[in-house]
Amino acid sequence: MGCSFNARVASYEKLGHKIDYKLERPTKVKLVPHKNGKDALPIPNTTKGKNELLGYIMLENKKFYQENNRPYYPWYVEKYKKFLDQRSSNTV
C-alpha cells in the first residue's frame, strides 16, 4: 500500500542560509494499493504502525538523509525490519 494526500508546500531557511522545502497541513490522506498488488508497507492504523512507516521512509531515503545532514534514526529502521520479519513468518 502507498498513500496519497494533498498538502501545502512551504519554504524554510536551513543552517547556512539555504532554502529548503517541506509539506504542511496534509489533508485527504488515504491508502492506495500498489499497481502490482504487492503490499510491503506497514499500515499505520495504530500508533505503533507509525514507527514502522517512518523506518521504511528512512531506509528508502537513507542516502538523501546522509548527504543532506538530516537526522537518520536506525531505531525506526529496525522497527520496520522487525515488522517485515514478523510479516514474513506469519505468511509461511
Protein backbone atom coordinates (compact mmCIF):
# COMPACT_ATOMS: atom_id res chain seq x y z
CA MET A 1 0.00 0.00 0.00
CA GLY A 2 1.06 3.53 -0.57
CA CYS A 3 -0.62 6.73 0.45
CA SER A 4 -1.84 9.84 -1.26
CA PHE A 5 -2.61 13.23 0.22
CA ASN A 6 -2.84 16.92 -0.51
CA ALA A 7 -0.51 19.33 1.28
CA ARG A 8 0.84 22.83 1.08
CA VAL A 9 4.47 23.39 0.15
CA ALA A 10 6.32 25.84 2.39
CA SER A 11 9.89 27.06 2.31
CA TYR A 12 12.16 27.49 5.29
CA GLU A 13 15.75 28.53 5.93
CA LYS A 14 18.23 25.83 6.92
CA LEU A 15 21.59 26.24 8.60
CA GLY A 16 23.95 28.07 6.31
CA HIS A 17 21.06 30.16 4.98
CA LYS A 18 19.99 27.52 2.47
CA ILE A 19 16.34 27.48 1.44
CA ASP A 20 14.60 24.11 1.70
CA TYR A 21 11.01 22.98 1.32
CA LYS A 22 8.57 20.99 3.40
CA LEU A 23 4.99 19.80 3.21
CA GLU A 24 2.44 21.23 5.64
CA ARG A 25 -1.18 20.66 6.60
CA PRO A 26 -1.85 17.32 4.88
CA THR A 27 -5.49 16.64 4.01
CA LYS A 28 -7.42 13.91 2.19
CA VAL A 29 -4.94 11.25 3.36
CA LYS A 30 -5.79 7.77 2.05
CA LEU A 31 -4.16 4.42 1.42
CA VAL A 32 -3.66 3.45 -2.21
CA PRO A 33 -2.93 -0.13 -3.36
CA HIS A 34 0.22 -0.71 -5.42
CA LYS A 35 -0.35 -1.43 -9.10
CA ASN A 36 1.46 -4.77 -8.82
CA GLY A 37 -0.69 -5.80 -5.84
CA LYS A 38 2.34 -6.10 -3.55
CA ASP A 39 1.87 -4.67 -0.08
CA ALA A 40 5.19 -4.36 1.77
CA LEU A 41 4.46 -1.21 3.75
CA PRO A 42 3.22 -1.19 7.32
CA ILE A 43 -0.20 0.36 7.53
CA PRO A 44 -0.20 2.93 10.33
CA ASN A 45 -3.62 2.09 11.78
CA THR A 46 -2.13 2.23 15.29
CA THR A 47 0.36 4.50 16.99
CA LYS A 48 2.91 1.66 16.76
CA GLY A 49 2.46 1.42 12.98
CA LYS A 50 3.78 4.95 12.58
CA ASN A 51 7.22 3.88 13.80
CA GLU A 52 7.45 1.16 11.15
CA LEU A 53 6.32 3.57 8.44
CA LEU A 54 8.96 6.11 9.48
CA GLY A 55 11.54 3.31 9.38
CA TYR A 56 10.53 2.41 5.83
CA ILE A 57 10.81 6.05 4.73
CA MET A 58 14.24 6.45 6.35
CA LEU A 59 15.54 3.20 4.89
CA GLU A 60 14.36 4.06 1.38
CA ASN A 61 15.85 7.56 1.59
CA LYS A 62 18.99 6.86 3.66
CA LYS A 63 21.38 8.32 1.08
CA PHE A 64 19.35 11.55 0.87
CA TYR A 65 19.26 11.88 4.66
CA GLN A 66 23.02 11.39 4.97
CA GLU A 67 24.00 13.61 2.03
CA ASN A 68 21.85 16.46 3.35
CA ASN A 69 22.82 16.20 7.02
CA ARG A 70 19.30 15.21 8.01
CA PRO A 71 18.66 13.13 11.11
CA TYR A 72 18.66 9.39 10.37
CA TYR A 73 17.41 7.17 13.18
CA PRO A 74 18.35 3.47 12.90
CA TRP A 75 15.84 2.70 15.68
CA TYR A 76 12.95 3.36 13.26
CA VAL A 77 14.63 1.29 10.54
CA GLU A 78 14.95 -1.64 12.95
CA LYS A 79 11.23 -1.36 13.77
CA TYR A 80 10.46 -1.62 10.05
CA LYS A 81 12.78 -4.61 9.57
CA LYS A 82 11.21 -6.35 12.57
CA PHE A 83 7.77 -5.69 11.04
CA LEU A 84 8.91 -7.34 7.78
CA ASP A 85 10.32 -10.35 9.65
CA GLN A 86 7.09 -10.81 11.60
CA ARG A 87 5.03 -10.40 8.48
CA SER A 88 7.02 -12.98 6.51
CA SER A 89 6.89 -15.50 9.37
CA ASN A 90 3.09 -15.06 9.56
CA THR A 91 2.64 -15.81 5.85
CA VAL A 92 4.69 -19.01 5.82
